[in-house]
């Protein structure tokens, strides 16, 4: 991912949008865990502790796709 970030500077609005999406993802994951496993069960707590690595993994792959699209569009200009 460092190679992607090194050749392109993302606008602040894009970074802000990604942060908002991450906050929504965390809330949605928490709500789903609570609905299925209850508020304070051992399983729910284990899943909550693993949510951040999962979100980072998903965002990293999404970011890579986004940057590839950004490069293609920029190359067409």
N, C-alpha and C. Protein backbone atom coordinates (compact mmCIF):
# COMPACT_ATOMS: atom_id res chain seq x y z
N UNK A 1 0.82 -1.18 0.00
CA UNK A 1 0.00 0.00 0.00
C UNK A 1 0.87 1.25 0.00
N UNK A 2 2.08 1.17 0.51
CA UNK A 2 2.97 2.33 0.50
C UNK A 2 3.28 2.78 -0.92
N UNK A 3 3.39 1.82 -1.84
CA UNK A 3 3.66 2.18 -3.23
C UNK A 3 2.50 2.97 -3.81
N UNK A 4 1.31 2.61 -3.42
CA UNK A 4 0.13 3.33 -3.92
C UNK A 4 0.15 4.75 -3.38
N UNK A 5 0.39 4.91 -2.11
CA UNK A 5 0.34 6.23 -1.49
C UNK A 5 1.51 7.11 -1.94
N UNK A 6 2.61 6.53 -2.33
CA UNK A 6 3.79 7.32 -2.64
C UNK A 6 3.68 8.09 -3.95
N UNK A 7 2.87 7.60 -4.90
CA UNK A 7 2.82 8.28 -6.18
C UNK A 7 1.55 9.11 -6.36
N UNK A 8 0.70 9.16 -5.37
CA UNK A 8 -0.55 9.90 -5.49
C UNK A 8 -0.88 10.55 -4.15
N UNK A 9 -1.31 11.79 -4.21
CA UNK A 9 -1.77 12.46 -3.01
C UNK A 9 -3.29 12.53 -3.07
N UNK A 10 -3.92 11.96 -2.07
CA UNK A 10 -5.38 11.99 -2.04
C UNK A 10 -5.86 13.33 -1.50
N UNK A 11 -6.95 13.82 -2.06
CA UNK A 11 -7.51 15.06 -1.54
C UNK A 11 -8.06 14.85 -0.13
N UNK A 12 -8.03 15.89 0.70
CA UNK A 12 -8.55 15.75 2.07
C UNK A 12 -10.00 15.27 2.11
N UNK A 13 -10.80 15.66 1.15
CA UNK A 13 -12.21 15.23 1.13
C UNK A 13 -12.31 13.71 0.98
N UNK A 14 -11.41 13.11 0.21
CA UNK A 14 -11.42 11.66 0.04
C UNK A 14 -11.04 10.97 1.34
N UNK A 15 -10.04 11.49 2.01
CA UNK A 15 -9.61 10.91 3.28
C UNK A 15 -10.74 11.01 4.31
N UNK A 16 -11.41 12.16 4.33
CA UNK A 16 -12.53 12.36 5.26
C UNK A 16 -13.66 11.38 4.96
N UNK A 17 -13.94 11.16 3.68
CA UNK A 17 -15.00 10.22 3.29
C UNK A 17 -14.67 8.79 3.73
N UNK A 18 -13.42 8.40 3.59
CA UNK A 18 -13.00 7.06 4.02
C UNK A 18 -13.16 6.93 5.54
N UNK A 19 -12.79 7.95 6.28
CA UNK A 19 -12.93 7.90 7.73
C UNK A 19 -14.40 7.78 8.14
N UNK A 20 -15.29 8.49 7.45
CA UNK A 20 -16.72 8.39 7.74
C UNK A 20 -17.22 6.97 7.46
N UNK A 21 -16.78 6.38 6.35
CA UNK A 21 -17.19 5.02 6.02
C UNK A 21 -16.68 4.03 7.08
N UNK A 22 -15.49 4.25 7.57
CA UNK A 22 -14.94 3.37 8.59
C UNK A 22 -15.76 3.47 9.87
N UNK A 23 -16.15 4.68 10.26
CA UNK A 23 -16.97 4.85 11.46
C UNK A 23 -18.32 4.15 11.30
N UNK A 24 -18.93 4.26 10.12
CA UNK A 24 -20.19 3.57 9.85
C UNK A 24 -20.01 2.06 9.93
N UNK A 25 -18.92 1.56 9.38
CA UNK A 25 -18.67 0.12 9.39
C UNK A 25 -18.54 -0.40 10.82
N UNK A 26 -17.84 0.34 11.66
CA UNK A 26 -17.68 -0.07 13.06
C UNK A 26 -19.04 -0.12 13.76
N UNK A 27 -19.87 0.90 13.56
CA UNK A 27 -21.20 0.93 14.18
C UNK A 27 -22.06 -0.23 13.68
N UNK A 28 -22.01 -0.50 12.37
CA UNK A 28 -22.80 -1.60 11.81
C UNK A 28 -22.34 -2.95 12.35
N UNK A 29 -21.04 -3.14 12.47
CA UNK A 29 -20.52 -4.40 13.00
C UNK A 29 -20.94 -4.55 14.46
N UNK A 30 -20.83 -3.50 15.25
CA UNK A 30 -21.24 -3.57 16.65
C UNK A 30 -22.73 -3.91 16.77
N UNK A 31 -23.55 -3.28 15.96
CA UNK A 31 -25.00 -3.54 16.01
C UNK A 31 -25.31 -4.99 15.64
N UNK A 32 -24.64 -5.49 14.61
CA UNK A 32 -24.88 -6.87 14.19
C UNK A 32 -24.42 -7.85 15.27
N UNK A 33 -23.29 -7.61 15.88
CA UNK A 33 -22.79 -8.48 16.95
C UNK A 33 -23.77 -8.48 18.13
N UNK A 34 -24.22 -7.32 18.52
CA UNK A 34 -25.16 -7.23 19.64
C UNK A 34 -26.47 -7.94 19.33
N UNK A 35 -26.95 -7.81 18.11
CA UNK A 35 -28.21 -8.44 17.72
C UNK A 35 -28.11 -9.96 17.75
N UNK A 36 -27.00 -10.49 17.28
CA UNK A 36 -26.85 -11.94 17.18
C UNK A 36 -26.41 -12.58 18.49
N UNK A 37 -25.42 -11.95 19.16
CA UNK A 37 -24.80 -12.59 20.32
C UNK A 37 -25.14 -11.93 21.65
N UNK A 38 -25.91 -10.89 21.63
CA UNK A 38 -26.22 -10.21 22.89
C UNK A 38 -25.20 -9.13 23.20
N UNK A 39 -25.52 -8.34 24.20
CA UNK A 39 -24.69 -7.18 24.49
C UNK A 39 -23.33 -7.47 25.09
N UNK A 40 -23.24 -8.42 26.03
CA UNK A 40 -21.99 -8.59 26.74
C UNK A 40 -21.61 -10.06 26.94
N UNK A 41 -21.77 -10.84 25.91
CA UNK A 41 -21.38 -12.25 26.00
C UNK A 41 -19.91 -12.41 25.63
N UNK A 42 -19.28 -13.50 26.05
CA UNK A 42 -17.87 -13.72 25.68
C UNK A 42 -17.65 -13.75 24.16
N UNK A 43 -18.59 -14.36 23.44
CA UNK A 43 -18.46 -14.41 21.98
C UNK A 43 -18.55 -13.01 21.38
N UNK A 44 -19.50 -12.22 21.86
CA UNK A 44 -19.65 -10.85 21.36
C UNK A 44 -18.40 -10.04 21.63
N UNK A 45 -17.84 -10.17 22.81
CA UNK A 45 -16.63 -9.41 23.15
C UNK A 45 -15.44 -9.83 22.29
N UNK A 46 -15.34 -11.14 22.01
CA UNK A 46 -14.25 -11.62 21.15
C UNK A 46 -14.39 -11.05 19.74
N UNK A 47 -15.61 -11.07 19.23
CA UNK A 47 -15.84 -10.53 17.88
C UNK A 47 -15.57 -9.04 17.82
N UNK A 48 -15.97 -8.31 18.84
CA UNK A 48 -15.71 -6.87 18.86
C UNK A 48 -14.22 -6.57 18.88
N UNK A 49 -13.46 -7.39 19.56
CA UNK A 49 -12.01 -7.14 19.61
C UNK A 49 -11.35 -7.42 18.27
N UNK A 50 -11.99 -8.20 17.42
CA UNK A 50 -11.42 -8.54 16.11
C UNK A 50 -11.95 -7.64 14.99
N UNK A 51 -12.85 -6.75 15.29
CA UNK A 51 -13.49 -5.97 14.21
C UNK A 51 -12.54 -5.01 13.52
N UNK A 52 -11.66 -4.37 14.26
CA UNK A 52 -10.78 -3.37 13.64
C UNK A 52 -9.83 -3.99 12.61
N UNK A 53 -9.15 -5.11 12.91
CA UNK A 53 -8.31 -5.71 11.86
C UNK A 53 -9.10 -6.10 10.62
N UNK A 54 -10.33 -6.56 10.82
CA UNK A 54 -11.17 -6.91 9.68
C UNK A 54 -11.50 -5.68 8.84
N UNK A 55 -11.88 -4.60 9.47
CA UNK A 55 -12.21 -3.37 8.75
C UNK A 55 -10.98 -2.83 8.02
N UNK A 56 -9.84 -2.84 8.67
CA UNK A 56 -8.61 -2.35 8.03
C UNK A 56 -8.29 -3.20 6.80
N UNK A 57 -8.43 -4.51 6.91
CA UNK A 57 -8.18 -5.41 5.79
C UNK A 57 -9.12 -5.07 4.61
N UNK A 58 -10.40 -4.91 4.90
CA UNK A 58 -11.37 -4.61 3.86
C UNK A 58 -11.08 -3.25 3.23
N UNK A 59 -10.81 -2.25 4.07
CA UNK A 59 -10.52 -0.91 3.53
C UNK A 59 -9.23 -0.89 2.71
N UNK A 60 -8.23 -1.64 3.13
CA UNK A 60 -6.97 -1.67 2.38
C UNK A 60 -7.20 -2.20 0.97
N UNK A 61 -7.99 -3.26 0.86
CA UNK A 61 -8.25 -3.79 -0.48
C UNK A 61 -9.13 -2.84 -1.29
N UNK A 62 -10.10 -2.22 -0.63
CA UNK A 62 -10.94 -1.24 -1.31
C UNK A 62 -10.13 -0.03 -1.75
N UNK A 63 -9.20 0.39 -0.90
CA UNK A 63 -8.34 1.52 -1.21
C UNK A 63 -7.49 1.22 -2.43
N UNK A 64 -6.97 0.00 -2.49
CA UNK A 64 -6.14 -0.39 -3.63
C UNK A 64 -6.95 -0.34 -4.93
N UNK A 65 -8.18 -0.83 -4.90
CA UNK A 65 -9.04 -0.77 -6.08
C UNK A 65 -9.35 0.68 -6.46
N UNK A 66 -9.63 1.49 -5.44
CA UNK A 66 -9.93 2.90 -5.67
C UNK A 66 -8.74 3.62 -6.31
N UNK A 67 -7.54 3.34 -5.83
CA UNK A 67 -6.36 3.99 -6.37
C UNK A 67 -6.09 3.54 -7.80
N UNK A 68 -6.31 2.29 -8.10
CA UNK A 68 -6.13 1.81 -9.47
C UNK A 68 -7.11 2.52 -10.41
N UNK A 69 -8.35 2.69 -9.97
CA UNK A 69 -9.34 3.40 -10.77
C UNK A 69 -8.93 4.86 -10.94
N UNK A 70 -8.46 5.48 -9.86
CA UNK A 70 -8.01 6.88 -9.90
C UNK A 70 -6.88 7.05 -10.91
N UNK A 71 -5.93 6.13 -10.90
CA UNK A 71 -4.80 6.20 -11.84
C UNK A 71 -5.27 6.06 -13.28
N UNK A 72 -6.19 5.14 -13.52
CA UNK A 72 -6.70 4.95 -14.89
C UNK A 72 -7.41 6.20 -15.39
N UNK A 73 -8.23 6.79 -14.54
CA UNK A 73 -8.95 8.00 -14.93
C UNK A 73 -7.99 9.16 -15.17
N UNK A 74 -6.98 9.26 -14.32
CA UNK A 74 -5.98 10.33 -14.47
C UNK A 74 -5.17 10.15 -15.76
N UNK A 75 -4.89 8.91 -16.10
CA UNK A 75 -4.13 8.63 -17.32
C UNK A 75 -4.92 8.98 -18.58
N UNK A 76 -6.24 8.94 -18.48
CA UNK A 76 -7.07 9.25 -19.64
C UNK A 76 -7.23 10.74 -19.88
N UNK A 77 -6.88 11.54 -18.88
CA UNK A 77 -7.04 13.00 -19.04
C UNK A 77 -6.08 13.58 -20.04
